[in-house]
Amino acid sequence: MGMEDETRDFLVLIIQTISWILLWMMLNVYVGIYKDYAFFDQRLNWTNYLFYAGSLISLFFLVRFLWRKWKL
């Protein structure tokens, strides 16, 4: 008894979506927390602006990519 093709494709799509979101989150945590770009001491630095702008831009492209992937 095998799994139907449509069900398998749907489950693969769900797993891929979760994987892309987790990858985006892990990269942002690594760059933001471990490389110390998400925090500021007394005032915002140019690296903080760059980190937050990059996070928002990459989030936009991730949502757009996933939207197109689910539209099939």
PDB file of N, CA and C in Angstrom:
ATOM      1  N   MET A   1       0.845  -1.190   0.000  1.00  0.00           N
ATOM      2  CA  MET A   1       0.000   0.000   0.000  1.00  0.00           C
ATOM      3  C   MET A   1       0.878   1.236   0.000  1.00  0.00           C
ATOM      4  N   GLY A   2       0.841   1.940  -1.079  1.00  0.00           N
ATOM      5  CA  GLY A   2       1.623   3.155  -1.190  1.00  0.00           C
ATOM      6  C   GLY A   2       0.764   4.380  -0.971  1.00  0.00           C
ATOM      7  N   MET A   3       1.444   5.466  -0.825  1.00  0.00           N
ATOM      8  CA  MET A   3       0.756   6.729  -0.629  1.00  0.00           C
ATOM      9  C   MET A   3       0.382   7.295  -1.989  1.00  0.00           C
ATOM     10  N   GLU A   4      -0.771   7.913  -2.082  1.00  0.00           N
ATOM     11  CA  GLU A   4      -1.179   8.525  -3.342  1.00  0.00           C
ATOM     12  C   GLU A   4      -0.241   9.672  -3.676  1.00  0.00           C
ATOM     13  N   ASP A   5      -0.079   9.924  -4.961  1.00  0.00           N
ATOM     14  CA  ASP A   5       0.863  10.944  -5.415  1.00  0.00           C
ATOM     15  C   ASP A   5       0.480  12.347  -4.939  1.00  0.00           C
ATOM     16  N   GLU A   6      -0.816  12.661  -4.975  1.00  0.00           N
ATOM     17  CA  GLU A   6      -1.251  14.000  -4.557  1.00  0.00           C
ATOM     18  C   GLU A   6      -0.993  14.220  -3.064  1.00  0.00           C
ATOM     19  N   THR A   7      -1.240  13.218  -2.266  1.00  0.00           N
ATOM     20  CA  THR A   7      -1.014  13.329  -0.827  1.00  0.00           C
ATOM     21  C   THR A   7       0.467  13.471  -0.531  1.00  0.00           C
ATOM     22  N   ARG A   8       1.289  12.688  -1.226  1.00  0.00           N
ATOM     23  CA  ARG A   8       2.735  12.770  -1.034  1.00  0.00           C
ATOM     24  C   ARG A   8       3.257  14.145  -1.442  1.00  0.00           C
ATOM     25  N   ASP A   9       2.799  14.657  -2.587  1.00  0.00           N
ATOM     26  CA  ASP A   9       3.231  15.983  -3.037  1.00  0.00           C
ATOM     27  C   ASP A   9       2.834  17.076  -2.046  1.00  0.00           C
ATOM     28  N   PHE A  10       1.635  16.959  -1.479  1.00  0.00           N
ATOM     29  CA  PHE A  10       1.176  17.939  -0.507  1.00  0.00           C
ATOM     30  C   PHE A  10       2.023  17.899   0.763  1.00  0.00           C
ATOM     31  N   LEU A  11       2.334  16.709   1.243  1.00  0.00           N
ATOM     32  CA  LEU A  11       3.164  16.583   2.439  1.00  0.00           C
ATOM     33  C   LEU A  11       4.589  17.085   2.191  1.00  0.00           C
ATOM     34  N   VAL A  12       5.129  16.831   1.012  1.00  0.00           N
ATOM     35  CA  VAL A  12       6.453  17.342   0.656  1.00  0.00           C
ATOM     36  C   VAL A  12       6.427  18.869   0.618  1.00  0.00           C
ATOM     37  N   LEU A  13       5.355  19.449   0.093  1.00  0.00           N
ATOM     38  CA  LEU A  13       5.216  20.905   0.061  1.00  0.00           C
ATOM     39  C   LEU A  13       5.178  21.485   1.474  1.00  0.00           C
ATOM     40  N   ILE A  14       4.483  20.837   2.376  1.00  0.00           N
ATOM     41  CA  ILE A  14       4.417  21.300   3.759  1.00  0.00           C
ATOM     42  C   ILE A  14       5.795  21.214   4.420  1.00  0.00           C
ATOM     43  N   ILE A  15       6.484  20.096   4.229  1.00  0.00           N
ATOM     44  CA  ILE A  15       7.824  19.919   4.826  1.00  0.00           C
ATOM     45  C   ILE A  15       8.805  20.953   4.260  1.00  0.00           C
ATOM     46  N   GLN A  16       8.745  21.199   2.959  1.00  0.00           N
ATOM     47  CA  GLN A  16       9.639  22.186   2.351  1.00  0.00           C
ATOM     48  C   GLN A  16       9.349  23.586   2.868  1.00  0.00           C
ATOM     49  N   THR A  17       8.090  23.921   3.060  1.00  0.00           N
ATOM     50  CA  THR A  17       7.718  25.229   3.597  1.00  0.00           C
ATOM     51  C   THR A  17       8.257  25.405   5.009  1.00  0.00           C
ATOM     52  N   ILE A  18       8.064  24.402   5.840  1.00  0.00           N
ATOM     53  CA  ILE A  18       8.577  24.467   7.213  1.00  0.00           C
ATOM     54  C   ILE A  18      10.093  24.573   7.209  1.00  0.00           C
ATOM     55  N   SER A  19      10.749  23.852   6.315  1.00  0.00           N
ATOM     56  CA  SER A  19      12.210  23.889   6.236  1.00  0.00           C
ATOM     57  C   SER A  19      12.723  25.260   5.829  1.00  0.00           C
ATOM     58  N   TRP A  20      12.084  25.887   4.835  1.00  0.00           N
ATOM     59  CA  TRP A  20      12.514  27.224   4.413  1.00  0.00           C
ATOM     60  C   TRP A  20      12.335  28.244   5.532  1.00  0.00           C
ATOM     61  N   ILE A  21      11.214  28.161   6.242  1.00  0.00           N
ATOM     62  CA  ILE A  21      10.961  29.106   7.336  1.00  0.00           C
ATOM     63  C   ILE A  21      11.970  28.902   8.465  1.00  0.00           C
ATOM     64  N   LEU A  22      12.249  27.649   8.816  1.00  0.00           N
ATOM     65  CA  LEU A  22      13.228  27.384   9.870  1.00  0.00           C
ATOM     66  C   LEU A  22      14.633  27.823   9.465  1.00  0.00           C
ATOM     67  N   LEU A  23      14.993  27.626   8.201  1.00  0.00           N
ATOM     68  CA  LEU A  23      16.291  28.081   7.723  1.00  0.00           C
ATOM     69  C   LEU A  23      16.407  29.595   7.812  1.00  0.00           C
ATOM     70  N   TRP A  24      15.352  30.310   7.412  1.00  0.00           N
ATOM     71  CA  TRP A  24      15.361  31.773   7.489  1.00  0.00           C
ATOM     72  C   TRP A  24      15.485  32.229   8.953  1.00  0.00           C
ATOM     73  N   MET A  25      14.751  31.558   9.844  1.00  0.00           N
ATOM     74  CA  MET A  25      14.807  31.930  11.255  1.00  0.00           C
ATOM     75  C   MET A  25      16.185  31.657  11.858  1.00  0.00           C
ATOM     76  N   MET A  26      16.774  30.497  11.531  1.00  0.00           N
ATOM     77  CA  MET A  26      18.092  30.174  12.079  1.00  0.00           C
ATOM     78  C   MET A  26      19.162  31.131  11.587  1.00  0.00           C
ATOM     79  N   LEU A  27      19.095  31.523  10.315  1.00  0.00           N
ATOM     80  CA  LEU A  27      20.065  32.486   9.797  1.00  0.00           C
ATOM     81  C   LEU A  27      19.918  33.844  10.477  1.00  0.00           C
ATOM     82  N   ASN A  28      18.686  34.271  10.706  1.00  0.00           N
ATOM     83  CA  ASN A  28      18.477  35.548  11.383  1.00  0.00           C
ATOM     84  C   ASN A  28      18.922  35.500  12.839  1.00  0.00           C
ATOM     85  N   VAL A  29      18.690  34.388  13.507  1.00  0.00           N
ATOM     86  CA  VAL A  29      19.148  34.247  14.888  1.00  0.00           C
ATOM     87  C   VAL A  29      20.669  34.249  14.928  1.00  0.00           C
ATOM     88  N   TYR A  30      21.301  33.531  14.018  1.00  0.00           N
ATOM     89  CA  TYR A  30      22.759  33.471  13.999  1.00  0.00           C
ATOM     90  C   TYR A  30      23.362  34.851  13.759  1.00  0.00           C
ATOM     91  N   VAL A  31      22.882  35.532  12.746  1.00  0.00           N
ATOM     92  CA  VAL A  31      23.446  36.847  12.424  1.00  0.00           C
ATOM     93  C   VAL A  31      23.064  37.877  13.486  1.00  0.00           C
ATOM     94  N   GLY A  32      21.827  37.831  13.954  1.00  0.00           N
ATOM     95  CA  GLY A  32      21.364  38.832  14.901  1.00  0.00           C
ATOM     96  C   GLY A  32      21.892  38.664  16.307  1.00  0.00           C
ATOM     97  N   ILE A  33      21.819  37.455  16.839  1.00  0.00           N
ATOM     98  CA  ILE A  33      22.197  37.235  18.231  1.00  0.00           C
ATOM     99  C   ILE A  33      23.657  36.864  18.371  1.00  0.00           C
ATOM    100  N   TYR A  34      24.099  35.871  17.617  1.00  0.00           N
ATOM    101  CA  TYR A  34      25.471  35.394  17.798  1.00  0.00           C
ATOM    102  C   TYR A  34      26.513  36.357  17.245  1.00  0.00           C
ATOM    103  N   LYS A  35      26.166  37.062  16.186  1.00  0.00           N
ATOM    104  CA  LYS A  35      27.095  38.059  15.645  1.00  0.00           C
ATOM    105  C   LYS A  35      26.824  39.447  16.230  1.00  0.00           C
ATOM    106  N   ASP A  36      25.824  39.541  17.102  1.00  0.00           N
ATOM    107  CA  ASP A  36      25.537  40.752  17.886  1.00  0.00           C
ATOM    108  C   ASP A  36      25.088  41.948  17.046  1.00  0.00           C
ATOM    109  N   TYR A  37      24.351  41.685  15.954  1.00  0.00           N
ATOM    110  CA  TYR A  37      23.842  42.781  15.136  1.00  0.00           C
ATOM    111  C   TYR A  37      22.428  43.194  15.520  1.00  0.00           C
ATOM    112  N   ALA A  38      21.716  42.398  16.280  1.00  0.00           N
ATOM    113  CA  ALA A  38      20.341  42.721  16.646  1.00  0.00           C
ATOM    114  C   ALA A  38      20.260  43.636  17.868  1.00  0.00           C
ATOM    115  N   PHE A  39      21.326  43.701  18.643  1.00  0.00           N
ATOM    116  CA  PHE A  39      21.318  44.489  19.871  1.00  0.00           C
ATOM    117  C   PHE A  39      22.079  45.790  19.670  1.00  0.00           C
ATOM    118  N   PHE A  40      21.690  46.793  20.444  1.00  0.00           N
ATOM    119  CA  PHE A  40      22.417  48.058  20.423  1.00  0.00           C
ATOM    120  C   PHE A  40      22.667  48.503  21.858  1.00  0.00           C
ATOM    121  N   ASP A  41      23.788  49.199  22.041  1.00  0.00           N
ATOM    122  CA  ASP A  41      24.170  49.623  23.388  1.00  0.00           C
ATOM    123  C   ASP A  41      23.432  50.891  23.785  1.00  0.00           C
ATOM    124  N   GLN A  42      23.930  52.035  23.353  1.00  0.00           N
ATOM    125  CA  GLN A  42      23.275  53.293  23.699  1.00  0.00           C
ATOM    126  C   GLN A  42      22.398  53.809  22.552  1.00  0.00           C
ATOM    127  N   ARG A  43      22.830  53.565  21.340  1.00  0.00           N
ATOM    128  CA  ARG A  43      22.069  54.045  20.186  1.00  0.00           C
ATOM    129  C   ARG A  43      22.229  53.042  19.047  1.00  0.00           C
ATOM    130  N   LEU A  44      21.406  53.240  18.011  1.00  0.00           N
ATOM    131  CA  LEU A  44      21.473  52.351  16.860  1.00  0.00           C
ATOM    132  C   LEU A  44      22.749  52.606  16.057  1.00  0.00           C
ATOM    133  N   ASN A  45      23.322  51.554  15.582  1.00  0.00           N
ATOM    134  CA  ASN A  45      24.524  51.621  14.764  1.00  0.00           C
ATOM    135  C   ASN A  45      24.140  51.281  13.325  1.00  0.00           C
ATOM    136  N   TRP A  46      25.013  51.506  12.375  1.00  0.00           N
ATOM    137  CA  TRP A  46      24.700  51.200  10.976  1.00  0.00           C
ATOM    138  C   TRP A  46      24.541  49.693  10.776  1.00  0.00           C
ATOM    139  N   THR A  47      25.205  48.880  11.594  1.00  0.00           N
ATOM    140  CA  THR A  47      25.058  47.435  11.459  1.00  0.00           C
ATOM    141  C   THR A  47      23.663  46.985  11.900  1.00  0.00           C
ATOM    142  N   ASN A  48      23.089  47.684  12.882  1.00  0.00           N
ATOM    143  CA  ASN A  48      21.724  47.368  13.297  1.00  0.00           C
ATOM    144  C   ASN A  48      20.739  47.672  12.172  1.00  0.00           C
ATOM    145  N   TYR A  49      20.896  48.832  11.561  1.00  0.00           N
ATOM    146  CA  TYR A  49      20.037  49.180  10.435  1.00  0.00           C
ATOM    147  C   TYR A  49      20.170  48.169   9.307  1.00  0.00           C
ATOM    148  N   LEU A  50      21.388  47.773   9.007  1.00  0.00           N
ATOM    149  CA  LEU A  50      21.636  46.809   7.941  1.00  0.00           C
ATOM    150  C   LEU A  50      21.007  45.452   8.273  1.00  0.00           C
ATOM    151  N   PHE A  51      21.148  45.004   9.512  1.00  0.00           N
ATOM    152  CA  PHE A  51      20.572  43.730   9.918  1.00  0.00           C
ATOM    153  C   PHE A  51      19.053  43.747   9.809  1.00  0.00           C
ATOM    154  N   TYR A  52      18.408  44.772  10.361  1.00  0.00           N
ATOM    155  CA  TYR A  52      16.950  44.818  10.338  1.00  0.00           C
ATOM    156  C   TYR A  52      16.409  45.019   8.930  1.00  0.00           C
ATOM    157  N   ALA A  53      17.077  45.808   8.126  1.00  0.00           N
ATOM    158  CA  ALA A  53      16.652  45.976   6.731  1.00  0.00           C
ATOM    159  C   ALA A  53      16.810  44.662   5.970  1.00  0.00           C
ATOM    160  N   GLY A  54      17.928  43.987   6.182  1.00  0.00           N
ATOM    161  CA  GLY A  54      18.139  42.705   5.520  1.00  0.00           C
ATOM    162  C   GLY A  54      17.126  41.656   5.955  1.00  0.00           C
ATOM    163  N   SER A  55      16.773  41.673   7.221  1.00  0.00           N
ATOM    164  CA  SER A  55      15.774  40.726   7.714  1.00  0.00           C
ATOM    165  C   SER A  55      14.407  40.975   7.081  1.00  0.00           C
ATOM    166  N   LEU A  56      14.015  42.234   7.000  1.00  0.00           N
ATOM    167  CA  LEU A  56      12.714  42.550   6.402  1.00  0.00           C
ATOM    168  C   LEU A  56      12.692  42.252   4.912  1.00  0.00           C
ATOM    169  N   ILE A  57      13.767  42.570   4.217  1.00  0.00           N
ATOM    170  CA  ILE A  57      13.827  42.297   2.779  1.00  0.00           C
ATOM    171  C   ILE A  57      13.816  40.793   2.520  1.00  0.00           C
ATOM    172  N   SER A  58      14.602  40.046   3.298  1.00  0.00           N
ATOM    173  CA  SER A  58      14.625  38.596   3.100  1.00  0.00           C
ATOM    174  C   SER A  58      13.289  37.963   3.486  1.00  0.00           C
ATOM    175  N   LEU A  59      12.594  38.516   4.483  1.00  0.00           N
ATOM    176  CA  LEU A  59      11.266  38.023   4.835  1.00  0.00           C
ATOM    177  C   LEU A  59      10.288  38.251   3.692  1.00  0.00           C
ATOM    178  N   PHE A  60      10.372  39.424   3.060  1.00  0.00           N
ATOM    179  CA  PHE A  60       9.507  39.715   1.920  1.00  0.00           C
ATOM    180  C   PHE A  60       9.724  38.700   0.803  1.00  0.00           C
ATOM    181  N   PHE A  61      10.998  38.421   0.476  1.00  0.00           N
ATOM    182  CA  PHE A  61      11.282  37.476  -0.595  1.00  0.00           C
ATOM    183  C   PHE A  61      10.902  36.043  -0.208  1.00  0.00           C
ATOM    184  N   LEU A  62      11.043  35.687   1.059  1.00  0.00           N
ATOM    185  CA  LEU A  62      10.630  34.365   1.516  1.00  0.00           C
ATOM    186  C   LEU A  62       9.121  34.199   1.384  1.00  0.00           C
ATOM    187  N   VAL A  63       8.360  35.189   1.812  1.00  0.00           N
ATOM    188  CA  VAL A  63       6.900  35.117   1.709  1.00  0.00           C
ATOM    189  C   VAL A  63       6.479  35.062   0.249  1.00  0.00           C
ATOM    190  N   ARG A  64       7.125  35.867  -0.590  1.00  0.00           N
ATOM    191  CA  ARG A  64       6.803  35.850  -2.018  1.00  0.00           C
ATOM    192  C   ARG A  64       7.119  34.498  -2.631  1.00  0.00           C
ATOM    193  N   PHE A  65       8.265  33.911  -2.274  1.00  0.00           N
ATOM    194  CA  PHE A  65       8.647  32.594  -2.780  1.00  0.00           C
ATOM    195  C   PHE A  65       7.649  31.528  -2.350  1.00  0.00           C
ATOM    196  N   LEU A  66       7.275  31.540  -1.074  1.00  0.00           N
ATOM    197  CA  LEU A  66       6.337  30.542  -0.574  1.00  0.00           C
ATOM    198  C   LEU A  66       4.935  30.742  -1.152  1.00  0.00           C
ATOM    199  N   TRP A  67       4.554  31.988  -1.358  1.00  0.00           N
ATOM    200  CA  TRP A  67       3.254  32.281  -1.955  1.00  0.00           C
ATOM    201  C   TRP A  67       3.177  31.684  -3.355  1.00  0.00           C
ATOM    202  N   ARG A  68       4.233  31.890  -4.148  1.00  0.00           N
ATOM    203  CA  ARG A  68       4.261  31.345  -5.505  1.00  0.00           C
ATOM    204  C   ARG A  68       4.333  29.824  -5.493  1.00  0.00           C
ATOM    205  N   LYS A  69       5.052  29.265  -4.535  1.00  0.00           N
ATOM    206  CA  LYS A  69       5.161  27.812  -4.432  1.00  0.00           C
ATOM    207  C   LYS A  69       3.813  27.177  -4.108  1.00  0.00           C
ATOM    208  N   TRP A  70       3.011  27.829  -3.256  1.00  0.00           N
ATOM    209  CA  TRP A  70       1.726  27.276  -2.876  1.00  0.00           C
ATOM    210  C   TRP A  70       0.642  27.553  -3.919  1.00  0.00           C
ATOM    211  N   LYS A  71       0.865  28.526  -4.815  1.00  0.00           N
ATOM    212  CA  LYS A  71      -0.120  28.855  -5.824  1.00  0.00           C
ATOM    213  C   LYS A  71      -0.266  27.756  -6.868  1.00  0.00           C
ATOM    214  N   LEU A  72       0.819  27.079  -7.167  1.00  0.00           N
ATOM    215  CA  LEU A  72       0.866  26.036  -8.193  1.00  0.00           C
ATOM    216  C   LEU A  72      -0.424  25.950  -8.915  1.00  0.00           C
TER     217      LEU A  72
END
